[in-house]
PDB file of N, CA and C in Angstrom:
ATOM      1  N   MET A   1       0.825  -1.194   0.000  1.00  0.00           N
ATOM      2  CA  MET A   1       0.000   0.000   0.000  1.00  0.00           C
ATOM      3  C   MET A   1       0.868   1.257   0.000  1.00  0.00           C
ATOM      4  N   LEU A   2       1.898   1.273   0.842  1.00  0.00           N
ATOM      5  CA  LEU A   2       2.790   2.434   0.912  1.00  0.00           C
ATOM      6  C   LEU A   2       3.503   2.657  -0.413  1.00  0.00           C
ATOM      7  N   THR A   3       3.874   1.584  -1.083  1.00  0.00           N
ATOM      8  CA  THR A   3       4.533   1.689  -2.387  1.00  0.00           C
ATOM      9  C   THR A   3       3.622   2.369  -3.401  1.00  0.00           C
ATOM     10  N   ARG A   4       2.339   2.050  -3.371  1.00  0.00           N
ATOM     11  CA  ARG A   4       1.375   2.662  -4.297  1.00  0.00           C
ATOM     12  C   ARG A   4       1.206   4.150  -4.004  1.00  0.00           C
ATOM     13  N   ILE A   5       1.221   4.515  -2.734  1.00  0.00           N
ATOM     14  CA  ILE A   5       1.096   5.927  -2.355  1.00  0.00           C
ATOM     15  C   ILE A   5       2.314   6.705  -2.823  1.00  0.00           C
ATOM     16  N   VAL A   6       3.497   6.168  -2.576  1.00  0.00           N
ATOM     17  CA  VAL A   6       4.736   6.823  -3.004  1.00  0.00           C
ATOM     18  C   VAL A   6       4.772   6.959  -4.516  1.00  0.00           C
ATOM     19  N   SER A   7       4.377   5.911  -5.217  1.00  0.00           N
ATOM     20  CA  SER A   7       4.345   5.951  -6.676  1.00  0.00           C
ATOM     21  C   SER A   7       3.356   7.006  -7.167  1.00  0.00           C
ATOM     22  N   GLY A   8       2.190   7.066  -6.540  1.00  0.00           N
ATOM     23  CA  GLY A   8       1.192   8.067  -6.913  1.00  0.00           C
ATOM     24  C   GLY A   8       1.694   9.483  -6.694  1.00  0.00           C
ATOM     25  N   LEU A   9       2.360   9.708  -5.570  1.00  0.00           N
ATOM     26  CA  LEU A   9       2.920  11.031  -5.292  1.00  0.00           C
ATOM     27  C   LEU A   9       4.018  11.397  -6.290  1.00  0.00           C
ATOM     28  N   ARG A  10       4.797  10.420  -6.683  1.00  0.00           N
ATOM     29  CA  ARG A  10       5.852  10.664  -7.668  1.00  0.00           C
ATOM     30  C   ARG A  10       5.243  11.088  -9.012  1.00  0.00           C
ATOM     31  N   TYR A  11       4.206  10.372  -9.440  1.00  0.00           N
ATOM     32  CA  TYR A  11       3.530  10.726 -10.692  1.00  0.00           C
ATOM     33  C   TYR A  11       2.848  12.089 -10.596  1.00  0.00           C
ATOM     34  N   PHE A  12       2.278  12.390  -9.441  1.00  0.00           N
ATOM     35  CA  PHE A  12       1.651  13.693  -9.245  1.00  0.00           C
ATOM     36  C   PHE A  12       2.695  14.807  -9.369  1.00  0.00           C
ATOM     37  N   GLY A  13       3.839  14.634  -8.720  1.00  0.00           N
ATOM     38  CA  GLY A  13       4.910  15.633  -8.810  1.00  0.00           C
ATOM     39  C   GLY A  13       5.416  15.792 -10.230  1.00  0.00           C
ATOM     40  N   GLN A  14       5.566  14.692 -10.931  1.00  0.00           N
ATOM     41  CA  GLN A  14       6.016  14.749 -12.322  1.00  0.00           C
ATOM     42  C   GLN A  14       4.990  15.491 -13.176  1.00  0.00           C
ATOM     43  N   GLY A  15       3.718  15.201 -12.952  1.00  0.00           N
ATOM     44  CA  GLY A  15       2.664  15.886 -13.700  1.00  0.00           C
ATOM     45  C   GLY A  15       2.657  17.379 -13.442  1.00  0.00           C
ATOM     46  N   MET A  16       2.860  17.766 -12.192  1.00  0.00           N
ATOM     47  CA  MET A  16       2.894  19.199 -11.862  1.00  0.00           C
ATOM     48  C   MET A  16       4.077  19.884 -12.540  1.00  0.00           C
ATOM     49  N   ARG A  17       5.232  19.244 -12.546  1.00  0.00           N
ATOM     50  CA  ARG A  17       6.400  19.835 -13.217  1.00  0.00           C
ATOM     51  C   ARG A  17       6.155  19.971 -14.713  1.00  0.00           C
ATOM     52  N   LEU A  18       5.529  18.968 -15.313  1.00  0.00           N
ATOM     53  CA  LEU A  18       5.230  19.046 -16.747  1.00  0.00           C
ATOM     54  C   LEU A  18       4.213  20.132 -17.049  1.00  0.00           C
ATOM     55  N   MET A  19       3.285  20.377 -16.133  1.00  0.00           N
ATOM     56  CA  MET A  19       2.286  21.428 -16.339  1.00  0.00           C
ATOM     57  C   MET A  19       2.921  22.811 -16.406  1.00  0.00           C
ATOM     58  N   VAL A  20       4.017  22.995 -15.681  1.00  0.00           N
ATOM     59  CA  VAL A  20       4.694  24.294 -15.712  1.00  0.00           C
ATOM     60  C   VAL A  20       5.880  24.283 -16.672  1.00  0.00           C
ATOM     61  N   GLY A  21       6.010  23.209 -17.440  1.00  0.00           N
ATOM     62  CA  GLY A  21       7.039  23.159 -18.473  1.00  0.00           C
ATOM     63  C   GLY A  21       8.418  22.757 -18.002  1.00  0.00           C
ATOM     64  N   MET A  22       8.514  22.034 -16.894  1.00  0.00           N
ATOM     65  CA  MET A  22       9.811  21.622 -16.383  1.00  0.00           C
ATOM     66  C   MET A  22       9.862  20.111 -16.253  1.00  0.00           C
ATOM     67  N   PRO A  23      10.324  19.403 -17.308  1.00  0.00           N
ATOM     68  CA  PRO A  23      10.415  17.945 -17.225  1.00  0.00           C
ATOM     69  C   PRO A  23      11.460  17.513 -16.190  1.00  0.00           C
ATOM     70  N   GLU A  24      11.370  16.283 -15.763  1.00  0.00           N
ATOM     71  CA  GLU A  24      12.283  15.768 -14.750  1.00  0.00           C
ATOM     72  C   GLU A  24      13.673  15.511 -15.325  1.00  0.00           C
ATOM     73  N   TYR A  25      14.670  15.898 -14.569  1.00  0.00           N
ATOM     74  CA  TYR A  25      16.056  15.689 -14.970  1.00  0.00           C
ATOM     75  C   TYR A  25      16.365  14.198 -15.044  1.00  0.00           C
ATOM     76  N   SER A  26      15.856  13.419 -14.098  1.00  0.00           N
ATOM     77  CA  SER A  26      16.150  11.978 -14.101  1.00  0.00           C
ATOM     78  C   SER A  26      15.587  11.301 -15.350  1.00  0.00           C
ATOM     79  N   THR A  27      14.444  11.761 -15.828  1.00  0.00           N
ATOM     80  CA  THR A  27      13.867  11.217 -17.057  1.00  0.00           C
ATOM     81  C   THR A  27      14.754  11.552 -18.245  1.00  0.00           C
ATOM     82  N   TYR A  28      15.270  12.779 -18.279  1.00  0.00           N
ATOM     83  CA  TYR A  28      16.181  13.202 -19.335  1.00  0.00           C
ATOM     84  C   TYR A  28      17.452  12.344 -19.332  1.00  0.00           C
ATOM     85  N   VAL A  29      18.027  12.138 -18.150  1.00  0.00           N
ATOM     86  CA  VAL A  29      19.264  11.347 -18.036  1.00  0.00           C
ATOM     87  C   VAL A  29      19.026   9.921 -18.512  1.00  0.00           C
ATOM     88  N   ALA A  30      17.915   9.312 -18.072  1.00  0.00           N
ATOM     89  CA  ALA A  30      17.606   7.945 -18.499  1.00  0.00           C
ATOM     90  C   ALA A  30      17.432   7.878 -20.017  1.00  0.00           C
ATOM     91  N   HIS A  31      16.748   8.868 -20.595  1.00  0.00           N
ATOM     92  CA  HIS A  31      16.562   8.904 -22.047  1.00  0.00           C
ATOM     93  C   HIS A  31      17.906   9.013 -22.760  1.00  0.00           C
ATOM     94  N   MET A  32      18.767   9.885 -22.286  1.00  0.00           N
ATOM     95  CA  MET A  32      20.067  10.068 -22.936  1.00  0.00           C
ATOM     96  C   MET A  32      20.906   8.791 -22.876  1.00  0.00           C
ATOM     97  N   HIS A  33      20.908   8.130 -21.722  1.00  0.00           N
ATOM     98  CA  HIS A  33      21.688   6.891 -21.605  1.00  0.00           C
ATOM     99  C   HIS A  33      21.126   5.788 -22.494  1.00  0.00           C
ATOM    100  N   HIS A  34      19.809   5.762 -22.642  1.00  0.00           N
ATOM    101  CA  HIS A  34      19.179   4.707 -23.440  1.00  0.00           C
ATOM    102  C   HIS A  34      19.238   5.014 -24.935  1.00  0.00           C
ATOM    103  N   ALA A  35      18.855   6.216 -25.327  1.00  0.00           N
ATOM    104  CA  ALA A  35      18.709   6.539 -26.752  1.00  0.00           C
ATOM    105  C   ALA A  35      19.954   7.164 -27.387  1.00  0.00           C
ATOM    106  N   HIS A  36      20.778   7.831 -26.585  1.00  0.00           N
ATOM    107  CA  HIS A  36      21.946   8.536 -27.119  1.00  0.00           C
ATOM    108  C   HIS A  36      23.177   8.279 -26.244  1.00  0.00           C
ATOM    109  N   PRO A  37      23.614   7.036 -26.133  1.00  0.00           N
ATOM    110  CA  PRO A  37      24.737   6.744 -25.225  1.00  0.00           C
ATOM    111  C   PRO A  37      26.056   7.396 -25.646  1.00  0.00           C
ATOM    112  N   ASP A  38      26.138   7.824 -26.901  1.00  0.00           N
ATOM    113  CA  ASP A  38      27.366   8.436 -27.385  1.00  0.00           C
ATOM    114  C   ASP A  38      27.430   9.940 -27.103  1.00  0.00           C
ATOM    115  N   ARG A  39      26.336  10.544 -26.681  1.00  0.00           N
ATOM    116  CA  ARG A  39      26.288  11.987 -26.416  1.00  0.00           C
ATOM    117  C   ARG A  39      26.500  12.279 -24.938  1.00  0.00           C
ATOM    118  N   PRO A  40      27.127  13.435 -24.637  1.00  0.00           N
ATOM    119  CA  PRO A  40      27.282  13.801 -23.221  1.00  0.00           C
ATOM    120  C   PRO A  40      25.945  14.236 -22.619  1.00  0.00           C
ATOM    121  N   VAL A  41      25.792  14.005 -21.325  1.00  0.00           N
ATOM    122  CA  VAL A  41      24.578  14.381 -20.598  1.00  0.00           C
ATOM    123  C   VAL A  41      24.809  15.743 -19.948  1.00  0.00           C
ATOM    124  N   MET A  42      23.846  16.654 -20.116  1.00  0.00           N
ATOM    125  CA  MET A  42      23.965  17.976 -19.496  1.00  0.00           C
ATOM    126  C   MET A  42      23.900  17.848 -17.977  1.00  0.00           C
ATOM    127  N   SER A  43      24.563  18.763 -17.283  1.00  0.00           N
ATOM    128  CA  SER A  43      24.428  18.824 -15.833  1.00  0.00           C
ATOM    129  C   SER A  43      23.029  19.330 -15.506  1.00  0.00           C
ATOM    130  N   TYR A  44      22.625  19.217 -14.241  1.00  0.00           N
ATOM    131  CA  TYR A  44      21.300  19.690 -13.862  1.00  0.00           C
ATOM    132  C   TYR A  44      21.145  21.177 -14.154  1.00  0.00           C
ATOM    133  N   GLU A  45      22.186  21.959 -13.880  1.00  0.00           N
ATOM    134  CA  GLU A  45      22.135  23.397 -14.122  1.00  0.00           C
ATOM    135  C   GLU A  45      21.975  23.697 -15.612  1.00  0.00           C
ATOM    136  N   GLU A  46      22.719  22.996 -16.464  1.00  0.00           N
ATOM    137  CA  GLU A  46      22.596  23.188 -17.909  1.00  0.00           C
ATOM    138  C   GLU A  46      21.199  22.785 -18.391  1.00  0.00           C
ATOM    139  N   PHE A  47      20.692  21.664 -17.874  1.00  0.00           N
ATOM    140  CA  PHE A  47      19.367  21.183 -18.242  1.00  0.00           C
ATOM    141  C   PHE A  47      18.298  22.201 -17.846  1.00  0.00           C
ATOM    142  N   PHE A  48      18.377  22.708 -16.612  1.00  0.00           N
ATOM    143  CA  PHE A  48      17.408  23.682 -16.114  1.00  0.00           C
ATOM    144  C   PHE A  48      17.433  24.948 -16.969  1.00  0.00           C
ATOM    145  N   ARG A  49      18.621  25.451 -17.252  1.00  0.00           N
ATOM    146  CA  ARG A  49      18.769  26.665 -18.074  1.00  0.00           C
ATOM    147  C   ARG A  49      18.222  26.439 -19.483  1.00  0.00           C
ATOM    148  N   GLU A  50      18.531  25.304 -20.080  1.00  0.00           N
ATOM    149  CA  GLU A  50      18.069  25.007 -21.441  1.00  0.00           C
ATOM    150  C   GLU A  50      16.546  24.914 -21.488  1.00  0.00           C
ATOM    151  N   ARG A  51      15.937  24.285 -20.483  1.00  0.00           N
ATOM    152  CA  ARG A  51      14.477  24.169 -20.436  1.00  0.00           C
ATOM    153  C   ARG A  51      13.820  25.529 -20.241  1.00  0.00           C
ATOM    154  N   GLN A  52      14.413  26.380 -19.404  1.00  0.00           N
ATOM    155  CA  GLN A  52      13.852  27.716 -19.210  1.00  0.00           C
ATOM    156  C   GLN A  52      13.951  28.545 -20.485  1.00  0.00           C
ATOM    157  N   GLU A  53      15.087  28.467 -21.161  1.00  0.00           N
ATOM    158  CA  GLU A  53      15.249  29.207 -22.411  1.00  0.00           C
ATOM    159  C   GLU A  53      14.287  28.695 -23.479  1.00  0.00           C
ATOM    160  N   ALA A  54      14.057  27.385 -23.508  1.00  0.00           N
ATOM    161  CA  ALA A  54      13.121  26.831 -24.482  1.00  0.00           C
ATOM    162  C   ALA A  54      11.695  27.295 -24.194  1.00  0.00           C
ATOM    163  N   ARG A  55      11.374  27.450 -22.929  1.00  0.00           N
ATOM    164  CA  ARG A  55      10.007  27.859 -22.570  1.00  0.00           C
ATOM    165  C   ARG A  55       9.796  29.364 -22.702  1.00  0.00           C
ATOM    166  N   TYR A  56      10.772  30.163 -22.245  1.00  0.00           N
ATOM    167  CA  TYR A  56      10.588  31.608 -22.185  1.00  0.00           C
ATOM    168  C   TYR A  56      11.362  32.381 -23.240  1.00  0.00           C
ATOM    169  N   GLY A  57      12.197  31.713 -23.997  1.00  0.00           N
ATOM    170  CA  GLY A  57      13.002  32.396 -25.005  1.00  0.00           C
ATOM    171  C   GLY A  57      14.393  32.699 -24.466  1.00  0.00           C
ATOM    172  N   GLY A  58      15.337  32.806 -25.361  1.00  0.00           N
ATOM    173  CA  GLY A  58      16.731  32.991 -24.968  1.00  0.00           C
ATOM    174  C   GLY A  58      17.128  34.421 -24.681  1.00  0.00           C
ATOM    175  N   ASN A  59      16.215  35.389 -24.826  1.00  0.00           N
ATOM    176  CA  ASN A  59      16.604  36.780 -24.627  1.00  0.00           C
ATOM    177  C   ASN A  59      16.564  37.206 -23.165  1.00  0.00           C
ATOM    178  N   GLY A  60      16.090  36.334 -22.275  1.00  0.00           N
ATOM    179  CA  GLY A  60      16.070  36.655 -20.854  1.00  0.00           C
ATOM    180  C   GLY A  60      14.912  37.527 -20.433  1.00  0.00           C
ATOM    181  N   LYS A  61      14.027  37.888 -21.372  1.00  0.00           N
ATOM    182  CA  LYS A  61      12.890  38.736 -21.055  1.00  0.00           C
ATOM    183  C   LYS A  61      11.599  37.933 -21.192  1.00  0.00           C
ATOM    184  N   VAL A  62      10.766  38.035 -20.211  1.00  0.00           N
ATOM    185  CA  VAL A  62       9.464  37.380 -20.266  1.00  0.00           C
ATOM    186  C   VAL A  62       8.536  38.303 -21.029  1.00  0.00           C
ATOM    187  N   THR A  63       7.886  37.785 -22.054  1.00  0.00           N
ATOM    188  CA  THR A  63       7.049  38.629 -22.908  1.00  0.00           C
ATOM    189  C   THR A  63       5.562  38.438 -22.654  1.00  0.00           C
ATOM    190  N   ARG A  64       5.219  37.753 -21.582  1.00  0.00           N
ATOM    191  CA  ARG A  64       3.811  37.583 -21.267  1.00  0.00           C
ATOM    192  C   ARG A  64       3.571  37.891 -19.808  1.00  0.00           C
ATOM    193  N   CYS A  65       2.347  38.115 -19.460  1.00  0.00           N
ATOM    194  CA  CYS A  65       2.046  38.562 -18.088  1.00  0.00           C
ATOM    195  C   CYS A  65       2.067  37.432 -17.082  1.00  0.00           C
ATOM    196  N   CYS A  66       1.763  36.203 -17.505  1.00  0.00           N
ATOM    197  CA  CYS A  66       1.714  35.098 -16.541  1.00  0.00           C
ATOM    198  C   CYS A  66       2.041  33.776 -17.179  1.00  0.00           C
TER     199      CYS A  66
END
Protein backbone atom coordinates (compact mmCIF):
# COMPACT_ATOMS: atom_id res chain seq x y z
CA MET A 1 0.00 0.00 0.00
CA LEU A 2 2.79 2.43 0.91
CA THR A 3 4.53 1.69 -2.39
CA ARG A 4 1.37 2.66 -4.30
CA ILE A 5 1.10 5.93 -2.36
CA VAL A 6 4.74 6.82 -3.00
CA SER A 7 4.35 5.95 -6.68
CA GLY A 8 1.19 8.07 -6.91
CA LEU A 9 2.92 11.03 -5.29
CA ARG A 10 5.85 10.66 -7.67
CA TYR A 11 3.53 10.73 -10.69
CA PHE A 12 1.65 13.69 -9.24
CA GLY A 13 4.91 15.63 -8.81
CA GLN A 14 6.02 14.75 -12.32
CA GLY A 15 2.66 15.89 -13.70
CA MET A 16 2.89 19.20 -11.86
CA ARG A 17 6.40 19.84 -13.22
CA LEU A 18 5.23 19.05 -16.75
CA MET A 19 2.29 21.43 -16.34
CA VAL A 20 4.69 24.29 -15.71
CA GLY A 21 7.04 23.16 -18.47
CA MET A 22 9.81 21.62 -16.38
CA PRO A 23 10.41 17.95 -17.22
CA GLU A 24 12.28 15.77 -14.75
CA TYR A 25 16.06 15.69 -14.97
CA SER A 26 16.15 11.98 -14.10
CA THR A 27 13.87 11.22 -17.06
CA TYR A 28 16.18 13.20 -19.33
CA VAL A 29 19.26 11.35 -18.04
CA ALA A 30 17.61 7.94 -18.50
CA HIS A 31 16.56 8.90 -22.05
CA MET A 32 20.07 10.07 -22.94
CA HIS A 33 21.69 6.89 -21.60
CA HIS A 34 19.18 4.71 -23.44
CA ALA A 35 18.71 6.54 -26.75
CA HIS A 36 21.95 8.54 -27.12
CA PRO A 37 24.74 6.74 -25.23
CA ASP A 38 27.37 8.44 -27.38
CA ARG A 39 26.29 11.99 -26.42
CA PRO A 40 27.28 13.80 -23.22
CA VAL A 41 24.58 14.38 -20.60
CA MET A 42 23.97 17.98 -19.50
CA SER A 43 24.43 18.82 -15.83
CA TYR A 44 21.30 19.69 -13.86
CA GLU A 45 22.14 23.40 -14.12
CA GLU A 46 22.60 23.19 -17.91
CA PHE A 47 19.37 21.18 -18.24
CA PHE A 48 17.41 23.68 -16.11
CA ARG A 49 18.77 26.67 -18.07
CA GLU A 50 18.07 25.01 -21.44
CA ARG A 51 14.48 24.17 -20.44
CA GLN A 52 13.85 27.72 -19.21
CA GLU A 53 15.25 29.21 -22.41
CA ALA A 54 13.12 26.83 -24.48
CA ARG A 55 10.01 27.86 -22.57
CA TYR A 56 10.59 31.61 -22.19
CA GLY A 57 13.00 32.40 -25.01
CA GLY A 58 16.73 32.99 -24.97
CA ASN A 59 16.60 36.78 -24.63
CA GLY A 60 16.07 36.66 -20.85
CA LYS A 61 12.89 38.74 -21.05
CA VAL A 62 9.46 37.38 -20.27
CA THR A 63 7.05 38.63 -22.91
CA ARG A 64 3.81 37.58 -21.27
CA CYS A 65 2.05 38.56 -18.09
CA CYS A 66 1.71 35.10 -16.54
